[in-house]
C-alpha atoms as a PDB file:
ATOM      1  CA  UNK A   1      43.552 -52.969   8.906  1.00  0.00           C
ATOM      2  CA  UNK A   2      40.373 -52.045  10.791  1.00  0.00           C
ATOM      3  CA  UNK A   3      42.286 -49.552  12.924  1.00  0.00           C
ATOM      4  CA  UNK A   4      43.505 -47.834   9.760  1.00  0.00           C
ATOM      5  CA  UNK A   5      39.944 -47.645   8.402  1.00  0.00           C
ATOM      6  CA  UNK A   6      38.636 -46.185  11.671  1.00  0.00           C
ATOM      7  CA  UNK A   7      41.405 -43.603  11.746  1.00  0.00           C
ATOM      8  CA  UNK A   8      40.751 -42.687   8.112  1.00  0.00           C
ATOM      9  CA  UNK A   9      36.998 -42.382   8.771  1.00  0.00           C
ATOM     10  CA  UNK A  10      37.480 -40.252  11.870  1.00  0.00           C
ATOM     11  CA  UNK A  11      39.817 -37.985   9.922  1.00  0.00           C
ATOM     12  CA  UNK A  12      37.326 -37.642   7.021  1.00  0.00           C
ATOM     13  CA  UNK A  13      34.154 -37.004   9.063  1.00  0.00           C
ATOM     14  CA  UNK A  14      34.867 -33.301   9.821  1.00  0.00           C
ATOM     15  CA  UNK A  15      35.528 -32.645   6.137  1.00  0.00           C
ATOM     16  CA  UNK A  16      32.283 -34.414   5.185  1.00  0.00           C
ATOM     17  CA  UNK A  17      30.169 -32.259   7.519  1.00  0.00           C
ATOM     18  CA  UNK A  18      32.028 -29.138   6.457  1.00  0.00           C
ATOM     19  CA  UNK A  19      31.188 -29.881   2.808  1.00  0.00           C
ATOM     20  CA  UNK A  20      27.557 -30.494   3.744  1.00  0.00           C
ATOM     21  CA  UNK A  21      27.283 -27.188   5.625  1.00  0.00           C
ATOM     22  CA  UNK A  22      28.841 -25.095   2.864  1.00  0.00           C
ATOM     23  CA  UNK A  23      26.979 -26.707  -0.033  1.00  0.00           C
ATOM     24  CA  UNK A  24      25.119 -24.027  -1.954  1.00  0.00           C
ATOM     25  CA  UNK A  25      21.321 -24.015  -1.887  1.00  0.00           C
ATOM     26  CA  UNK A  26      19.927 -24.175  -5.405  1.00  0.00           C
ATOM     27  CA  UNK A  27      16.135 -24.416  -5.007  1.00  0.00           C
ATOM     28  CA  UNK A  28      13.635 -21.871  -3.685  1.00  0.00           C
ATOM     29  CA  UNK A  29       9.916 -22.525  -3.232  1.00  0.00           C
ATOM     30  CA  UNK A  30       7.862 -19.394  -2.473  1.00  0.00           C
ATOM     31  CA  UNK A  31       4.183 -19.695  -1.480  1.00  0.00           C
ATOM     32  CA  UNK A  32       2.157 -16.588  -0.592  1.00  0.00           C
ATOM     33  CA  UNK A  33      -1.354 -15.605   0.421  1.00  0.00           C
ATOM     34  CA  UNK A  34      -2.921 -12.164   0.615  1.00  0.00           C
ATOM     35  CA  UNK A  35      -5.456  -9.775  -0.854  1.00  0.00           C
ATOM     36  CA  UNK A  36      -5.767  -8.243  -4.316  1.00  0.00           C
ATOM     37  CA  UNK A  37      -7.659  -5.407  -6.008  1.00  0.00           C
ATOM     38  CA  UNK A  38      -8.681  -5.453  -9.667  1.00  0.00           C
ATOM     39  CA  UNK A  39      -7.688  -2.277 -11.501  1.00  0.00           C
ATOM     40  CA  UNK A  40     -10.332  -2.186 -14.263  1.00  0.00           C
ATOM     41  CA  UNK A  41     -12.553   0.900 -14.190  1.00  0.00           C
ATOM     42  CA  UNK A  42     -16.137   0.666 -13.038  1.00  0.00           C
ATOM     43  CA  UNK A  43     -18.699   1.013 -15.888  1.00  0.00           C
ATOM     44  CA  UNK A  44     -20.339   4.431 -16.111  1.00  0.00           C
ATOM     45  CA  UNK A  45     -24.050   5.134 -15.859  1.00  0.00           C
ATOM     46  CA  UNK A  46     -24.966   2.086 -13.779  1.00  0.00           C
ATOM     47  CA  UNK A  47     -27.297   1.935 -10.779  1.00  0.00           C
ATOM     48  CA  UNK A  48     -26.099   1.951  -7.145  1.00  0.00           C
ATOM     49  CA  UNK A  49     -27.192  -1.690  -6.771  1.00  0.00           C
ATOM     50  CA  UNK A  50     -25.136  -2.745  -9.787  1.00  0.00           C
ATOM     51  CA  UNK A  51     -22.168  -0.698  -8.569  1.00  0.00           C
ATOM     52  CA  UNK A  52     -22.252  -2.348  -5.137  1.00  0.00           C
ATOM     53  CA  UNK A  53     -22.480  -5.767  -6.769  1.00  0.00           C
ATOM     54  CA  UNK A  54     -19.455  -5.123  -9.020  1.00  0.00           C
ATOM     55  CA  UNK A  55     -17.439  -3.776  -6.077  1.00  0.00           C
ATOM     56  CA  UNK A  56     -17.692  -7.209  -4.480  1.00  0.00           C
ATOM     57  CA  UNK A  57     -15.861  -8.702  -7.468  1.00  0.00           C
ATOM     58  CA  UNK A  58     -13.131  -6.046  -7.596  1.00  0.00           C
ATOM     59  CA  UNK A  59     -11.286  -7.383  -4.527  1.00  0.00           C
ATOM     60  CA  UNK A  60     -10.572 -10.872  -3.286  1.00  0.00           C
ATOM     61  CA  UNK A  61      -8.089 -13.453  -2.060  1.00  0.00           C
ATOM     62  CA  UNK A  62      -4.786 -13.826  -3.907  1.00  0.00           C
ATOM     63  CA  UNK A  63      -2.762 -17.063  -3.601  1.00  0.00           C
ATOM     64  CA  UNK A  64       0.446 -17.929  -5.421  1.00  0.00           C
ATOM     65  CA  UNK A  65       3.334 -20.379  -5.442  1.00  0.00           C
ATOM     66  CA  UNK A  66       6.563 -20.300  -7.428  1.00  0.00           C
ATOM     67  CA  UNK A  67       9.600 -22.563  -7.639  1.00  0.00           C
ATOM     68  CA  UNK A  68      13.064 -21.459  -8.794  1.00  0.00           C
ATOM     69  CA  UNK A  69      16.413 -22.986  -9.634  1.00  0.00           C
ATOM     70  CA  UNK A  70      19.279 -20.637  -8.760  1.00  0.00           C
ATOM     71  CA  UNK A  71      22.043 -20.079 -11.271  1.00  0.00           C
ATOM     72  CA  UNK A  72      25.640 -19.278 -10.344  1.00  0.00           C
ATOM     73  CA  UNK A  73      24.812 -15.562 -10.280  1.00  0.00           C
ATOM     74  CA  UNK A  74      22.016 -13.923  -8.265  1.00  0.00           C
ATOM     75  CA  UNK A  75      19.549 -14.938 -10.958  1.00  0.00           C
ATOM     76  CA  UNK A  76      17.089 -17.839 -10.908  1.00  0.00           C
ATOM     77  CA  UNK A  77      14.661 -19.385 -13.372  1.00  0.00           C
ATOM     78  CA  UNK A  78      11.476 -21.268 -12.605  1.00  0.00           C
ATOM     79  CA  UNK A  79       7.709 -21.478 -12.803  1.00  0.00           C
ATOM     80  CA  UNK A  80       4.979 -19.336 -11.245  1.00  0.00           C
ATOM     81  CA  UNK A  81       1.294 -20.000 -10.531  1.00  0.00           C
ATOM     82  CA  UNK A  82      -1.219 -17.594  -9.004  1.00  0.00           C
ATOM     83  CA  UNK A  83      -4.970 -17.459  -8.536  1.00  0.00           C
ATOM     84  CA  UNK A  84      -7.454 -14.739  -7.580  1.00  0.00           C
ATOM     85  CA  UNK A  85     -10.813 -15.603  -5.996  1.00  0.00           C
ATOM     86  CA  UNK A  86     -13.756 -13.238  -5.500  1.00  0.00           C
ATOM     87  CA  UNK A  87     -17.526 -13.511  -5.134  1.00  0.00           C
ATOM     88  CA  UNK A  88     -20.469 -11.145  -4.874  1.00  0.00           C
ATOM     89  CA  UNK A  89     -24.219 -11.311  -4.257  1.00  0.00           C
ATOM     90  CA  UNK A  90     -26.580  -8.489  -5.107  1.00  0.00           C
ATOM     91  CA  UNK A  91     -29.295  -7.010  -7.229  1.00  0.00           C
ATOM     92  CA  UNK A  92     -28.445  -5.631 -10.651  1.00  0.00           C
ATOM     93  CA  UNK A  93     -30.529  -3.406 -12.883  1.00  0.00           C
ATOM     94  CA  UNK A  94     -30.173  -3.515 -16.682  1.00  0.00           C
ATOM     95  CA  UNK A  95     -31.990  -1.853 -19.555  1.00  0.00           C
ATOM     96  CA  UNK A  96     -32.997  -4.000 -22.510  1.00  0.00           C
ATOM     97  CA  UNK A  97     -32.835  -3.022 -26.187  1.00  0.00           C
ATOM     98  CA  UNK A  98     -36.514  -2.096 -26.079  1.00  0.00           C
ATOM     99  CA  UNK A  99     -35.941   0.308 -23.183  1.00  0.00           C
ATOM    100  CA  UNK A 100     -37.479  -1.926 -20.566  1.00  0.00           C
ATOM    101  CA  UNK A 101     -35.689  -1.941 -17.190  1.00  0.00           C
ATOM    102  CA  UNK A 102     -35.171  -5.359 -15.613  1.00  0.00           C
ATOM    103  CA  UNK A 103     -33.720  -6.110 -12.188  1.00  0.00           C
ATOM    104  CA  UNK A 104     -32.840  -9.342 -10.438  1.00  0.00           C
ATOM    105  CA  UNK A 105     -30.789 -10.905  -7.655  1.00  0.00           C
ATOM    106  CA  UNK A 106     -27.574 -12.594  -8.825  1.00  0.00           C
ATOM    107  CA  UNK A 107     -24.654 -14.435  -7.254  1.00  0.00           C
ATOM    108  CA  UNK A 108     -21.284 -14.550  -9.035  1.00  0.00           C
ATOM    109  CA  UNK A 109     -17.974 -16.324  -8.408  1.00  0.00           C
ATOM    110  CA  UNK A 110     -14.841 -15.137 -10.223  1.00  0.00           C
ATOM    111  CA  UNK A 111     -11.490 -16.862 -10.612  1.00  0.00           C
ATOM    112  CA  UNK A 112      -8.414 -15.503 -12.412  1.00  0.00           C
ATOM    113  CA  UNK A 113      -5.421 -17.840 -12.760  1.00  0.00           C
ATOM    114  CA  UNK A 114      -1.940 -17.259 -14.133  1.00  0.00           C
ATOM    115  CA  UNK A 115       0.790 -19.784 -14.936  1.00  0.00           C
ATOM    116  CA  UNK A 116       4.063 -19.314 -16.779  1.00  0.00           C
ATOM    117  CA  UNK A 117       7.877 -19.415 -16.740  1.00  0.00           C
ATOM    118  CA  UNK A 118       9.524 -16.845 -14.479  1.00  0.00           C
ATOM    119  CA  UNK A 119      12.838 -15.097 -13.821  1.00  0.00           C
ATOM    120  CA  UNK A 120      13.965 -13.981 -10.353  1.00  0.00           C
ATOM    121  CA  UNK A 121      16.798 -11.807  -9.063  1.00  0.00           C
ATOM    122  CA  UNK A 122      17.599 -12.001  -5.339  1.00  0.00           C
ATOM    123  CA  UNK A 123      20.267 -11.570  -2.671  1.00  0.00           C
ATOM    124  CA  UNK A 124      19.507 -14.994  -1.153  1.00  0.00           C
ATOM    125  CA  UNK A 125      23.169 -16.001  -1.438  1.00  0.00           C
ATOM    126  CA  UNK A 126      24.415 -13.019   0.550  1.00  0.00           C
ATOM    127  CA  UNK A 127      25.225 -13.325   4.259  1.00  0.00           C
ATOM    128  CA  UNK A 128      22.443 -11.072   5.551  1.00  0.00           C
ATOM    129  CA  UNK A 129      19.177 -11.509   7.444  1.00  0.00           C
ATOM    130  CA  UNK A 130      17.472  -9.010   5.150  1.00  0.00           C
ATOM    131  CA  UNK A 131      16.447 -10.704   1.922  1.00  0.00           C
ATOM    132  CA  UNK A 132      15.114  -9.009  -1.210  1.00  0.00           C
ATOM    133  CA  UNK A 133      13.845 -10.413  -4.480  1.00  0.00           C
ATOM    134  CA  UNK A 134      11.923  -9.396  -7.540  1.00  0.00           C
ATOM    135  CA  UNK A 135      10.549 -11.649 -10.215  1.00  0.00           C
ATOM    136  CA  UNK A 136       8.732 -11.389 -13.514  1.00  0.00           C
ATOM    137  CA  UNK A 137       6.774 -14.026 -15.419  1.00  0.00           C
ATOM    138  CA  UNK A 138       5.133 -14.237 -18.828  1.00  0.00           C
ATOM    139  CA  UNK A 139       2.429 -16.847 -19.346  1.00  0.00           C
ATOM    140  CA  UNK A 140      -1.247 -17.635 -19.745  1.00  0.00           C
ATOM    141  CA  UNK A 141      -3.911 -15.765 -17.787  1.00  0.00           C
ATOM    142  CA  UNK A 142      -7.371 -17.348 -17.591  1.00  0.00           C
ATOM    143  CA  UNK A 143     -10.616 -15.819 -16.351  1.00  0.00           C
ATOM    144  CA  UNK A 144     -13.577 -17.941 -15.234  1.00  0.00           C
ATOM    145  CA  UNK A 145     -16.836 -16.416 -14.022  1.00  0.00           C
ATOM    146  CA  UNK A 146     -19.992 -18.236 -12.966  1.00  0.00           C
ATOM    147  CA  UNK A 147     -23.403 -16.652 -12.381  1.00  0.00           C
ATOM    148  CA  UNK A 148     -26.178 -19.164 -11.804  1.00  0.00           C
ATOM    149  CA  UNK A 149     -26.156 -21.631 -14.694  1.00  0.00           C
ATOM    150  CA  UNK A 150     -24.037 -19.362 -16.913  1.00  0.00           C
ATOM    151  CA  UNK A 151     -20.281 -19.935 -17.017  1.00  0.00           C
ATOM    152  CA  UNK A 152     -17.900 -17.679 -18.904  1.00  0.00           C
ATOM    153  CA  UNK A 153     -14.260 -18.451 -19.654  1.00  0.00           C
ATOM    154  CA  UNK A 154     -11.452 -16.844 -21.622  1.00  0.00           C
ATOM    155  CA  UNK A 155      -7.635 -16.922 -21.836  1.00  0.00           C
ATOM    156  CA  UNK A 156      -4.894 -14.689 -23.150  1.00  0.00           C
ATOM    157  CA  UNK A 157      -1.236 -13.779 -22.697  1.00  0.00           C
ATOM    158  CA  UNK A 158      -0.543 -12.376 -19.234  1.00  0.00           C
ATOM    159  CA  UNK A 159       2.281 -10.828 -17.224  1.00  0.00           C
ATOM    160  CA  UNK A 160       3.093 -10.946 -13.525  1.00  0.00           C
ATOM    161  CA  UNK A 161       5.749  -9.108 -11.502  1.00  0.00           C
ATOM    162  CA  UNK A 162       6.520  -9.095  -7.764  1.00  0.00           C
ATOM    163  CA  UNK A 163       8.822  -7.375  -5.306  1.00  0.00           C
ATOM    164  CA  UNK A 164       9.385  -8.657  -1.774  1.00  0.00           C
ATOM    165  CA  UNK A 165      11.318  -8.009   1.416  1.00  0.00           C
ATOM    166  CA  UNK A 166      11.879 -10.971   3.712  1.00  0.00           C
ATOM    167  CA  UNK A 167      13.605 -11.641   7.012  1.00  0.00           C
ATOM    168  CA  UNK A 168      15.672 -14.805   7.358  1.00  0.00           C
ATOM    169  CA  UNK A 169      14.427 -16.854  10.317  1.00  0.00           C
ATOM    170  CA  UNK A 170      17.021 -19.506   9.474  1.00  0.00           C
ATOM    171  CA  UNK A 171      19.437 -20.088   6.597  1.00  0.00           C
ATOM    172  CA  UNK A 172      16.616 -21.807   4.723  1.00  0.00           C
ATOM    173  CA  UNK A 173      13.377 -20.053   5.747  1.00  0.00           C
ATOM    174  CA  UNK A 174      12.551 -16.390   4.999  1.00  0.00           C
ATOM    175  CA  UNK A 175       9.260 -14.553   5.549  1.00  0.00           C
ATOM    176  CA  UNK A 176       7.965 -11.080   4.687  1.00  0.00           C
ATOM    177  CA  UNK A 177       5.580  -8.908   2.637  1.00  0.00           C
ATOM    178  CA  UNK A 178       5.263  -9.123  -1.149  1.00  0.00           C
ATOM    179  CA  UNK A 179       3.788  -6.572  -3.544  1.00  0.00           C
ATOM    180  CA  UNK A 180       2.567  -7.919  -6.886  1.00  0.00           C
ATOM    181  CA  UNK A 181       1.093  -6.731 -10.164  1.00  0.00           C
ATOM    182  CA  UNK A 182      -0.693  -9.010 -12.635  1.00  0.00           C
ATOM    183  CA  UNK A 183      -1.741  -7.783 -16.089  1.00  0.00           C
ATOM    184  CA  UNK A 184      -3.940  -9.071 -18.874  1.00  0.00           C
ATOM    185  CA  UNK A 185      -7.076  -8.364 -20.944  1.00  0.00           C
ATOM    186  CA  UNK A 186      -9.609 -10.455 -22.849  1.00  0.00           C
ATOM    187  CA  UNK A 187     -11.071  -9.513 -26.218  1.00  0.00           C
ATOM    188  CA  UNK A 188     -13.459 -12.490 -26.240  1.00  0.00           C
ATOM    189  CA  UNK A 189     -14.959 -15.122 -23.954  1.00  0.00           C
ATOM    190  CA  UNK A 190     -17.083 -18.237 -24.190  1.00  0.00           C
ATOM    191  CA  UNK A 191     -20.388 -18.308 -22.304  1.00  0.00           C
ATOM    192  CA  UNK A 192     -21.814 -21.830 -22.050  1.00  0.00           C
ATOM    193  CA  UNK A 193     -19.917 -22.709 -25.222  1.00  0.00           C
ATOM    194  CA  UNK A 194     -20.912 -19.612 -27.214  1.00  0.00           C
ATOM    195  CA  UNK A 195     -18.100 -17.186 -28.121  1.00  0.00           C
ATOM    196  CA  UNK A 196     -18.740 -13.486 -27.521  1.00  0.00           C
ATOM    197  CA  UNK A 197     -16.366 -10.893 -29.011  1.00  0.00           C
ATOM    198  CA  UNK A 198     -15.881  -7.663 -27.059  1.00  0.00           C
ATOM    199  CA  UNK A 199     -15.491  -4.249 -28.612  1.00  0.00           C
ATOM    200  CA  UNK A 200     -12.457  -2.041 -28.001  1.00  0.00           C
ATOM    201  CA  UNK A 201     -14.137  -0.356 -25.029  1.00  0.00           C
ATOM    202  CA  UNK A 202     -15.725  -3.559 -23.704  1.00  0.00           C
ATOM    203  CA  UNK A 203     -12.640  -5.703 -23.162  1.00  0.00           C
ATOM    204  CA  UNK A 204     -12.431  -7.555 -19.877  1.00  0.00           C
ATOM    205  CA  UNK A 205      -9.588  -6.091 -17.810  1.00  0.00           C
ATOM    206  CA  UNK A 206      -7.894  -8.676 -15.577  1.00  0.00           C
ATOM    207  CA  UNK A 207      -5.118  -6.525 -14.096  1.00  0.00           C
ATOM    208  CA  UNK A 208      -4.824  -6.535 -10.324  1.00  0.00           C
ATOM    209  CA  UNK A 209      -2.572  -5.258  -7.533  1.00  0.00           C
ATOM    210  CA  UNK A 210      -1.838  -7.625  -4.657  1.00  0.00           C
ATOM    211  CA  UNK A 211      -0.323  -7.430  -1.168  1.00  0.00           C
ATOM    212  CA  UNK A 212       0.654 -10.760   0.359  1.00  0.00           C
ATOM    213  CA  UNK A 213       2.623 -12.505   3.077  1.00  0.00           C
ATOM    214  CA  UNK A 214       5.271 -14.675   1.421  1.00  0.00           C
ATOM    215  CA  UNK A 215       7.511 -17.439   2.756  1.00  0.00           C
ATOM    216  CA  UNK A 216      10.624 -18.733   1.045  1.00  0.00           C
ATOM    217  CA  UNK A 217      11.937 -22.263   1.576  1.00  0.00           C
ATOM    218  CA  UNK A 218      15.519 -22.184   0.276  1.00  0.00           C
ATOM    219  CA  UNK A 219      17.356 -25.488   0.025  1.00  0.00           C
END
């Protein structure tokens, strides 16, 4: 009896490992880190000090992570999260309603986050070392800015799209560059609990272009 079981087990082991090796990977987790540039235009008629201060907030670190479940085709559905971090110190000059010019040193920290459901199309299932994917997500984009004791925050509908080339180090790990575009605007924000509505020409533009190094863990 035991001999029969051993023979049956020995016969089945190769088929078990073969099934394990050929099982299709269904999950992809893609973290990335890089740099991003905000695309909103610089205000006109401002001083050099104010311009230099704003420039510090127009570029910063871009970090993202997304997770996908692969369908039977080359498509996948999942969730995407990204965040943009920038800070700037400098002197700004403003003119009050009475014509008086006031200047002062300020320090600002900006954070733009995005989260939402996403769709991805890739060639991850193909037998090639050269991997490509693009994804698009629609969700909520949130802007938080803090200058001294003043904190501003606002949210709206946002969009994010990415395209990447990656090289497969193994069957389950790919790395490579990723180009991304995030879009969104705010028509109003809350500053220390007080809502401020922006005019048509004063809306806060949150769009940015990013270049990142991305890794894919495919299992």
